[in-house]
C-alpha atoms as a PDB file:
ATOM      1  CA  MET A   1      52.789  51.396  31.122  1.00  0.00           C
ATOM      2  CA  SER A   2      56.303  49.028  29.807  1.00  0.00           C
ATOM      3  CA  GLN A   3      58.348  50.394  26.930  1.00  0.00           C
ATOM      4  CA  ASP A   4      57.247  47.132  25.820  1.00  0.00           C
ATOM      5  CA  PHE A   5      53.659  47.457  25.670  1.00  0.00           C
ATOM      6  CA  ALA A   6      54.147  50.997  24.412  1.00  0.00           C
ATOM      7  CA  ARG A   7      55.184  49.149  20.945  1.00  0.00           C
ATOM      8  CA  VAL A   8      52.561  47.106  21.783  1.00  0.00           C
ATOM      9  CA  GLY A   9      50.382  50.131  21.566  1.00  0.00           C
ATOM     10  CA  ALA A  10      52.695  51.527  18.257  1.00  0.00           C
ATOM     11  CA  ALA A  11      52.074  47.975  16.303  1.00  0.00           C
ATOM     12  CA  ALA A  12      48.173  47.918  16.815  1.00  0.00           C
ATOM     13  CA  ALA A  13      47.856  51.026  15.202  1.00  0.00           C
ATOM     14  CA  GLN A  14      49.874  49.671  12.304  1.00  0.00           C
ATOM     15  CA  VAL A  15      47.000  47.101  11.534  1.00  0.00           C
ATOM     16  CA  PRO A  16      44.319  47.683   9.425  1.00  0.00           C
ATOM     17  CA  GLY A  17      40.899  47.668  11.486  1.00  0.00           C
ATOM     18  CA  SER A  18      40.361  47.924  14.936  1.00  0.00           C
ATOM     19  CA  ALA A  19      42.716  46.063  17.848  1.00  0.00           C
ATOM     20  CA  GLY A  20      41.427  45.543  20.785  1.00  0.00           C
ATOM     21  CA  ALA A  21      43.649  44.168  24.402  1.00  0.00           C
ATOM     22  CA  VAL A  22      43.711  43.199  27.710  1.00  0.00           C
ATOM     23  CA  VAL A  23      46.847  41.977  29.761  1.00  0.00           C
ATOM     24  CA  THR A  24      46.192  41.105  33.549  1.00  0.00           C
ATOM     25  CA  ARG A  25      48.254  39.381  36.530  1.00  0.00           C
ATOM     26  CA  PRO A  26      46.094  36.675  37.773  1.00  0.00           C
ATOM     27  CA  ASP A  27      45.025  38.828  41.024  1.00  0.00           C
ATOM     28  CA  GLY A  28      43.105  41.558  38.161  1.00  0.00           C
ATOM     29  CA  GLU A  29      46.188  43.960  38.197  1.00  0.00           C
ATOM     30  CA  LEU A  30      46.240  45.911  34.934  1.00  0.00           C
ATOM     31  CA  LEU A  31      49.267  45.309  32.703  1.00  0.00           C
ATOM     32  CA  TYR A  32      47.520  46.568  29.106  1.00  0.00           C
ATOM     33  CA  ALA A  33      44.360  48.078  27.862  1.00  0.00           C
ATOM     34  CA  LEU A  34      43.166  48.714  24.235  1.00  0.00           C
ATOM     35  CA  ARG A  35      39.552  49.237  23.963  1.00  0.00           C
ATOM     36  CA  PRO A  36      38.704  46.793  26.921  1.00  0.00           C
ATOM     37  CA  ASP A  37      35.023  47.563  26.767  1.00  0.00           C
ATOM     38  CA  GLU A  38      34.145  47.639  23.537  1.00  0.00           C
ATOM     39  CA  PRO A  39      32.578  44.347  22.452  1.00  0.00           C
ATOM     40  CA  PHE A  40      34.454  42.346  19.143  1.00  0.00           C
ATOM     41  CA  PRO A  41      32.890  39.791  16.954  1.00  0.00           C
ATOM     42  CA  ALA A  42      33.515  36.571  19.435  1.00  0.00           C
ATOM     43  CA  ALA A  43      34.221  33.603  16.459  1.00  0.00           C
ATOM     44  CA  SER A  44      35.240  30.761  18.445  1.00  0.00           C
ATOM     45  CA  VAL A  45      36.017  32.892  21.552  1.00  0.00           C
ATOM     46  CA  ILE A  46      32.671  32.120  22.963  1.00  0.00           C
ATOM     47  CA  LYS A  47      33.824  28.508  23.194  1.00  0.00           C
ATOM     48  CA  LEU A  48      35.533  29.511  26.574  1.00  0.00           C
ATOM     49  CA  PRO A  49      32.028  30.546  28.298  1.00  0.00           C
ATOM     50  CA  LEU A  50      30.001  28.084  26.942  1.00  0.00           C
ATOM     51  CA  VAL A  51      32.613  25.357  27.699  1.00  0.00           C
ATOM     52  CA  MET A  52      33.037  27.034  31.480  1.00  0.00           C
ATOM     53  CA  ALA A  53      29.217  26.988  32.049  1.00  0.00           C
ATOM     54  CA  LEU A  54      28.891  23.689  31.162  1.00  0.00           C
ATOM     55  CA  HIS A  55      31.450  22.746  33.756  1.00  0.00           C
ATOM     56  CA  ALA A  56      29.936  24.779  36.007  1.00  0.00           C
ATOM     57  CA  GLU A  57      26.528  23.118  35.369  1.00  0.00           C
ATOM     58  CA  ALA A  58      27.988  19.979  36.013  1.00  0.00           C
ATOM     59  CA  ALA A  59      29.412  20.586  38.773  1.00  0.00           C
ATOM     60  CA  ALA A  60      26.315  21.888  40.681  1.00  0.00           C
ATOM     61  CA  GLY A  61      24.774  18.366  39.829  1.00  0.00           C
ATOM     62  CA  ARG A  62      22.204  19.928  37.154  1.00  0.00           C
ATOM     63  CA  LEU A  63      23.933  17.789  34.495  1.00  0.00           C
ATOM     64  CA  ASP A  64      26.347  14.698  33.920  1.00  0.00           C
ATOM     65  CA  LEU A  65      29.345  14.936  31.829  1.00  0.00           C
ATOM     66  CA  ALA A  66      29.146  11.251  30.697  1.00  0.00           C
ATOM     67  CA  GLU A  67      25.227  11.787  29.251  1.00  0.00           C
ATOM     68  CA  ARG A  68      25.963  11.247  25.520  1.00  0.00           C
ATOM     69  CA  VAL A  69      24.221  13.306  22.735  1.00  0.00           C
ATOM     70  CA  GLY A  70      24.240  12.349  19.121  1.00  0.00           C
ATOM     71  CA  PRO A  71      26.407  14.298  16.500  1.00  0.00           C
ATOM     72  CA  GLY A  72      23.040  15.670  15.015  1.00  0.00           C
ATOM     73  CA  ALA A  73      23.758  17.789  12.062  1.00  0.00           C
ATOM     74  CA  PRO A  74      26.865  18.538  10.734  1.00  0.00           C
ATOM     75  CA  VAL A  75      27.648  21.844   9.985  1.00  0.00           C
ATOM     76  CA  ASP A  76      30.793  23.760   8.294  1.00  0.00           C
ATOM     77  CA  GLY A  77      34.007  25.767   9.451  1.00  0.00           C
ATOM     78  CA  THR A  78      36.495  24.178  11.713  1.00  0.00           C
ATOM     79  CA  GLY A  79      36.108  20.834  13.201  1.00  0.00           C
ATOM     80  CA  VAL A  80      36.055  17.134  11.943  1.00  0.00           C
ATOM     81  CA  LEU A  81      32.851  15.567  13.072  1.00  0.00           C
ATOM     82  CA  ARG A  82      31.621  17.429   9.949  1.00  0.00           C
ATOM     83  CA  ASP A  83      33.466  14.965   7.643  1.00  0.00           C
ATOM     84  CA  LEU A  84      32.836  11.840  10.399  1.00  0.00           C
ATOM     85  CA  ARG A  85      29.682   9.471   8.895  1.00  0.00           C
ATOM     86  CA  ASP A  86      29.996   6.832  11.234  1.00  0.00           C
ATOM     87  CA  VAL A  87      30.091   8.132  14.619  1.00  0.00           C
ATOM     88  CA  GLY A  88      27.856   7.052  17.505  1.00  0.00           C
ATOM     89  CA  PRO A  89      26.830   9.910  20.306  1.00  0.00           C
ATOM     90  CA  LEU A  90      29.298  11.282  22.025  1.00  0.00           C
ATOM     91  CA  SER A  91      30.062  12.063  25.511  1.00  0.00           C
ATOM     92  CA  LEU A  92      29.363  15.517  26.910  1.00  0.00           C
ATOM     93  CA  ARG A  93      32.659  16.015  28.342  1.00  0.00           C
ATOM     94  CA  ASP A  94      34.285  14.828  24.433  1.00  0.00           C
ATOM     95  CA  LEU A  95      32.121  17.197  23.127  1.00  0.00           C
ATOM     96  CA  ALA A  96      33.447  20.037  24.897  1.00  0.00           C
ATOM     97  CA  THR A  97      36.831  18.618  24.166  1.00  0.00           C
ATOM     98  CA  LEU A  98      35.894  18.702  20.273  1.00  0.00           C
ATOM     99  CA  ALA A  99      34.596  22.264  21.076  1.00  0.00           C
ATOM    100  CA  ILE A 100      38.271  23.408  22.475  1.00  0.00           C
ATOM    101  CA  ALA A 101      40.998  21.125  21.086  1.00  0.00           C
ATOM    102  CA  VAL A 102      39.911  21.488  16.954  1.00  0.00           C
ATOM    103  CA  SER A 103      37.276  24.370  17.541  1.00  0.00           C
ATOM    104  CA  ASP A 104      34.638  21.731  16.433  1.00  0.00           C
ATOM    105  CA  ASN A 105      31.503  24.012  15.301  1.00  0.00           C
ATOM    106  CA  THR A 106      29.314  20.471  14.940  1.00  0.00           C
ATOM    107  CA  ALA A 107      30.217  19.455  18.412  1.00  0.00           C
ATOM    108  CA  THR A 108      29.272  23.372  20.224  1.00  0.00           C
ATOM    109  CA  ASN A 109      26.317  23.096  18.552  1.00  0.00           C
ATOM    110  CA  ARG A 110      25.283  20.056  20.137  1.00  0.00           C
ATOM    111  CA  LEU A 111      26.520  21.805  23.514  1.00  0.00           C
ATOM    112  CA  ILE A 112      24.963  25.050  22.889  1.00  0.00           C
ATOM    113  CA  GLU A 113      21.429  22.641  22.239  1.00  0.00           C
ATOM    114  CA  ARG A 114      22.437  21.006  25.626  1.00  0.00           C
ATOM    115  CA  LEU A 115      22.990  23.861  27.910  1.00  0.00           C
ATOM    116  CA  GLY A 116      20.463  26.699  26.224  1.00  0.00           C
ATOM    117  CA  ILE A 117      21.724  30.173  25.594  1.00  0.00           C
ATOM    118  CA  GLU A 118      19.947  31.591  28.221  1.00  0.00           C
ATOM    119  CA  THR A 119      22.053  29.260  30.663  1.00  0.00           C
ATOM    120  CA  VAL A 120      25.047  30.254  28.973  1.00  0.00           C
ATOM    121  CA  ASN A 121      23.843  34.118  29.132  1.00  0.00           C
ATOM    122  CA  GLY A 122      22.987  33.741  33.034  1.00  0.00           C
ATOM    123  CA  ARG A 123      26.643  32.285  33.761  1.00  0.00           C
ATOM    124  CA  LEU A 124      28.179  35.119  32.046  1.00  0.00           C
ATOM    125  CA  ASP A 125      25.911  38.041  34.413  1.00  0.00           C
ATOM    126  CA  ALA A 126      26.384  36.013  37.547  1.00  0.00           C
ATOM    127  CA  TRP A 127      30.242  35.537  36.517  1.00  0.00           C
ATOM    128  CA  GLY A 128      29.872  39.680  35.933  1.00  0.00           C
ATOM    129  CA  CYS A 129      30.033  39.946  32.218  1.00  0.00           C
ATOM    130  CA  PRO A 130      27.383  41.348  31.059  1.00  0.00           C
ATOM    131  CA  ARG A 131      28.437  42.442  27.577  1.00  0.00           C
ATOM    132  CA  THR A 132      30.196  38.810  26.393  1.00  0.00           C
ATOM    133  CA  ARG A 133      27.032  36.985  25.191  1.00  0.00           C
ATOM    134  CA  LEU A 134      26.004  33.647  23.184  1.00  0.00           C
ATOM    135  CA  ARG A 135      23.272  34.664  20.727  1.00  0.00           C
ATOM    136  CA  ARG A 136      23.107  32.201  18.058  1.00  0.00           C
ATOM    137  CA  ARG A 137      24.868  28.919  17.075  1.00  0.00           C
ATOM    138  CA  MET A 138      28.097  28.139  14.770  1.00  0.00           C
ATOM    139  CA  TYR A 139      27.441  28.865  11.179  1.00  0.00           C
ATOM    140  CA  ASP A 140      23.553  30.017  11.584  1.00  0.00           C
ATOM    141  CA  LEU A 141      23.405  31.849   8.836  1.00  0.00           C
ATOM    142  CA  ASP A 142      19.530  33.089   9.311  1.00  0.00           C
ATOM    143  CA  ALA A 143      20.143  34.506  12.402  1.00  0.00           C
ATOM    144  CA  ALA A 144      23.475  36.514  11.566  1.00  0.00           C
ATOM    145  CA  ALA A 145      21.392  38.000   8.697  1.00  0.00           C
ATOM    146  CA  ARG A 146      18.966  38.732  11.239  1.00  0.00           C
ATOM    147  CA  GLY A 147      21.947  40.700  13.189  1.00  0.00           C
ATOM    148  CA  LEU A 148      22.160  38.109  16.388  1.00  0.00           C
ATOM    149  CA  GLU A 149      26.048  37.874  17.036  1.00  0.00           C
ATOM    150  CA  ASN A 150      28.231  36.176  19.583  1.00  0.00           C
ATOM    151  CA  VAL A 151      30.512  39.258  20.821  1.00  0.00           C
ATOM    152  CA  VAL A 152      32.947  39.203  23.879  1.00  0.00           C
ATOM    153  CA  THR A 153      34.916  42.130  24.927  1.00  0.00           C
ATOM    154  CA  PRO A 154      38.466  41.613  25.862  1.00  0.00           C
ATOM    155  CA  ARG A 155      37.899  43.205  29.766  1.00  0.00           C
ATOM    156  CA  GLU A 156      35.341  40.408  29.961  1.00  0.00           C
ATOM    157  CA  ALA A 157      37.073  37.181  28.448  1.00  0.00           C
ATOM    158  CA  ALA A 158      40.334  38.267  30.683  1.00  0.00           C
ATOM    159  CA  ALA A 159      38.063  38.151  33.834  1.00  0.00           C
ATOM    160  CA  LEU A 160      37.247  34.428  32.191  1.00  0.00           C
ATOM    161  CA  LEU A 161      40.128  33.355  32.307  1.00  0.00           C
ATOM    162  CA  ARG A 162      41.076  34.506  35.925  1.00  0.00           C
ATOM    163  CA  ARG A 163      37.909  32.866  37.049  1.00  0.00           C
ATOM    164  CA  LEU A 164      39.660  29.622  35.771  1.00  0.00           C
ATOM    165  CA  LEU A 165      42.707  30.276  37.882  1.00  0.00           C
ATOM    166  CA  ALA A 166      41.163  31.352  41.052  1.00  0.00           C
ATOM    167  CA  GLY A 167      38.780  28.059  41.037  1.00  0.00           C
ATOM    168  CA  GLU A 168      36.116  30.079  40.254  1.00  0.00           C
ATOM    169  CA  CYS A 169      34.304  28.189  37.886  1.00  0.00           C
ATOM    170  CA  GLY A 170      32.092  25.500  39.914  1.00  0.00           C
ATOM    171  CA  GLY A 171      35.066  24.935  41.882  1.00  0.00           C
ATOM    172  CA  ARG A 172      38.473  23.834  41.539  1.00  0.00           C
ATOM    173  CA  ALA A 173      38.397  20.630  39.945  1.00  0.00           C
ATOM    174  CA  ALA A 174      35.807  21.981  37.580  1.00  0.00           C
ATOM    175  CA  SER A 175      38.339  25.184  36.728  1.00  0.00           C
ATOM    176  CA  ASP A 176      41.139  22.802  36.353  1.00  0.00           C
ATOM    177  CA  ALA A 177      39.231  20.606  34.067  1.00  0.00           C
ATOM    178  CA  VAL A 178      38.976  23.645  31.960  1.00  0.00           C
ATOM    179  CA  LEU A 179      42.389  25.151  31.787  1.00  0.00           C
ATOM    180  CA  ALA A 180      43.211  21.150  30.963  1.00  0.00           C
ATOM    181  CA  LEU A 181      40.809  21.631  27.915  1.00  0.00           C
ATOM    182  CA  LEU A 182      42.162  25.842  26.631  1.00  0.00           C
ATOM    183  CA  GLU A 183      46.227  23.674  26.950  1.00  0.00           C
ATOM    184  CA  ARG A 184      44.735  21.108  24.302  1.00  0.00           C
ATOM    185  CA  CYS A 185      43.994  24.093  21.856  1.00  0.00           C
ATOM    186  CA  GLN A 186      45.737  23.070  18.458  1.00  0.00           C
ATOM    187  CA  ASP A 187      45.750  26.058  16.798  1.00  0.00           C
ATOM    188  CA  GLY A 188      48.887  27.932  17.663  1.00  0.00           C
ATOM    189  CA  SER A 189      48.752  30.740  14.725  1.00  0.00           C
ATOM    190  CA  LEU A 190      47.796  33.890  17.111  1.00  0.00           C
ATOM    191  CA  LEU A 191      49.051  34.152  21.048  1.00  0.00           C
ATOM    192  CA  GLY A 192      51.442  31.075  20.322  1.00  0.00           C
ATOM    193  CA  ARG A 193      52.384  32.197  17.138  1.00  0.00           C
ATOM    194  CA  PHE A 194      55.925  33.527  18.355  1.00  0.00           C
ATOM    195  CA  LEU A 195      56.578  31.708  21.873  1.00  0.00           C
ATOM    196  CA  PRO A 196      59.702  29.142  22.739  1.00  0.00           C
ATOM    197  CA  ASP A 197      59.068  25.024  22.609  1.00  0.00           C
ATOM    198  CA  GLY A 198      57.525  24.225  25.694  1.00  0.00           C
ATOM    199  CA  THR A 199      55.825  27.520  27.030  1.00  0.00           C
ATOM    200  CA  ARG A 200      52.569  26.347  29.110  1.00  0.00           C
ATOM    201  CA  LEU A 201      49.541  28.134  26.495  1.00  0.00           C
ATOM    202  CA  ALA A 202      46.005  27.790  27.737  1.00  0.00           C
ATOM    203  CA  HIS A 203      43.737  29.163  25.383  1.00  0.00           C
ATOM    204  CA  LYS A 204      41.120  29.372  22.439  1.00  0.00           C
ATOM    205  CA  THR A 205      41.338  31.466  19.394  1.00  0.00           C
ATOM    206  CA  GLY A 206      38.579  32.367  17.591  1.00  0.00           C
ATOM    207  CA  LEU A 207      39.487  33.227  13.412  1.00  0.00           C
ATOM    208  CA  LEU A 208      36.326  34.436  11.409  1.00  0.00           C
ATOM    209  CA  ALA A 209      37.023  36.043   7.493  1.00  0.00           C
ATOM    210  CA  ARG A 210      38.410  39.593   9.018  1.00  0.00           C
ATOM    211  CA  SER A 211      39.282  38.742  12.733  1.00  0.00           C
ATOM    212  CA  ARG A 212      41.783  37.179  14.321  1.00  0.00           C
ATOM    213  CA  ASN A 213      40.930  36.918  18.069  1.00  0.00           C
ATOM    214  CA  ASP A 214      42.677  34.736  21.120  1.00  0.00           C
ATOM    215  CA  ALA A 215      42.441  34.677  24.739  1.00  0.00           C
ATOM    216  CA  GLY A 216      44.411  32.646  26.912  1.00  0.00           C
ATOM    217  CA  ILE A 217      46.861  32.243  29.963  1.00  0.00           C
ATOM    218  CA  VAL A 218      50.803  31.795  29.221  1.00  0.00           C
ATOM    219  CA  PHE A 219      52.860  30.427  31.997  1.00  0.00           C
ATOM    220  CA  GLY A 220      56.339  31.832  32.715  1.00  0.00           C
ATOM    221  CA  GLU A 221      57.737  32.823  35.504  1.00  0.00           C
ATOM    222  CA  ARG A 222      54.727  33.654  37.100  1.00  0.00           C
ATOM    223  CA  PRO A 223      51.150  33.443  35.001  1.00  0.00           C
ATOM    224  CA  VAL A 224      49.766  36.200  33.156  1.00  0.00           C
ATOM    225  CA  VAL A 225      46.491  36.827  31.210  1.00  0.00           C
ATOM    226  CA  ALA A 226      46.908  38.101  27.984  1.00  0.00           C
ATOM    227  CA  VAL A 227      43.918  38.782  25.393  1.00  0.00           C
ATOM    228  CA  GLY A 228      43.605  40.154  22.032  1.00  0.00           C
ATOM    229  CA  PHE A 229      40.949  40.621  19.265  1.00  0.00           C
ATOM    230  CA  VAL A 230      41.630  42.378  16.041  1.00  0.00           C
ATOM    231  CA  ARG A 231      37.998  42.939  13.871  1.00  0.00           C
ATOM    232  CA  GLU A 232      37.392  44.283  10.397  1.00  0.00           C
ATOM    233  CA  THR A 233      40.932  43.433   8.660  1.00  0.00           C
ATOM    234  CA  GLY A 234      41.885  42.921   5.710  1.00  0.00           C
ATOM    235  CA  GLU A 235      45.483  41.954   6.822  1.00  0.00           C
ATOM    236  CA  VAL A 236      44.918  39.030   9.044  1.00  0.00           C
ATOM    237  CA  GLY A 237      48.722  37.906   8.722  1.00  0.00           C
ATOM    238  CA  ARG A 238      49.694  41.461  10.256  1.00  0.00           C
ATOM    239  CA  ALA A 239      46.615  40.815  13.005  1.00  0.00           C
ATOM    240  CA  ALA A 240      48.470  37.155  14.063  1.00  0.00           C
ATOM    241  CA  ASP A 241      51.792  39.263  14.040  1.00  0.00           C
ATOM    242  CA  TRP A 242      50.172  42.044  16.727  1.00  0.00           C
ATOM    243  CA  LEU A 243      48.861  38.866  18.278  1.00  0.00           C
ATOM    244  CA  GLY A 244      52.251  37.544  18.681  1.00  0.00           C
ATOM    245  CA  LEU A 245      53.677  40.204  20.042  1.00  0.00           C
ATOM    246  CA  LEU A 246      51.258  41.039  22.652  1.00  0.00           C
ATOM    247  CA  VAL A 247      51.719  37.712  24.259  1.00  0.00           C
ATOM    248  CA  VAL A 248      55.411  38.038  24.249  1.00  0.00           C
ATOM    249  CA  VAL A 249      55.722  41.284  25.595  1.00  0.00           C
ATOM    250  CA  ALA A 250      53.158  39.801  28.728  1.00  0.00           C
ATOM    251  CA  LEU A 251      55.365  37.000  29.101  1.00  0.00           C
ATOM    252  CA  ARG A 252      58.407  38.855  29.196  1.00  0.00           C
ATOM    253  CA  LEU A 253      56.769  41.395  31.642  1.00  0.00           C
ATOM    254  CA  ALA A 254      56.323  38.420  33.885  1.00  0.00           C
ATOM    255  CA  GLY A 255      60.070  37.052  34.299  1.00  0.00           C
ATOM    256  CA  SER A 256      60.953  35.122  30.967  1.00  0.00           C
ATOM    257  CA  GLU A 257      64.183  35.620  29.112  1.00  0.00           C
ATOM    258  CA  VAL A 258      62.008  35.367  25.705  1.00  0.00           C
ATOM    259  CA  ALA A 259      63.232  37.228  22.884  1.00  0.00           C
ATOM    260  CA  LEU A 260      60.978  39.921  21.145  1.00  0.00           C
ATOM    261  CA  PRO A 261      59.714  38.862  17.743  1.00  0.00           C
ATOM    262  CA  ARG A 262      61.286  40.261  14.424  1.00  0.00           C
ATOM    263  CA  THR A 263      58.360  42.040  13.541  1.00  0.00           C
ATOM    264  CA  PHE A 264      56.692  45.919  13.705  1.00  0.00           C
ATOM    265  CA  GLY A 265      60.182  46.843  14.232  1.00  0.00           C
ATOM    266  CA  ALA A 266      60.477  44.982  17.282  1.00  0.00           C
END
């Protein structure tokens, strides 16, 4: 392990709660791991396999991304549909864009209803990700009270991202469509926290009251996959700083000249 990643491990110990991470090259070479196989509350990172399953199903001819769906019942949390009153039916393609770009929970629920939980989890099984599970819709408080939680492991999130890089999510075109969506994620507060302006980052964040998650691909001199999750933390700002440090170290190891952030003594 590089000296920089040793610093990442030491910094993780300073973050209240539990942190997990995986950093790999596109070919799967493991560069760093911390609790790689432990399940973490996914929050909105679960929208990554959801949108991947959507595009894979479309590539297989089982649905049409141009199909239109009504906005349905709005739910709280992130997004814009909950604040719109005159919007008409939206295409599945546009719902996926909203789910990733602004993490729209209402759009996400329409996709879950259209695809079905079983379809998404079946795709996850086929993709070798049996511990990452979609179990409920966004803001389904009754389901959450019954213990149904969407979960993801760092290793499996990284594997999903590598699948996109390899063109193995329904083919090259479907994989590239998902990657393009991930580059439109507008939340730069976690993995993107300390990245230089202009750095390409394809990722999906996930925030809960005591969780900070991000899973992405950073395109430096060479692409690198970086996934970091923090659960049960009382210092979300500290968790965000750690995620930012993680991806900067990953980018440095990928051959890019970028300074370490002045955090955690770096």
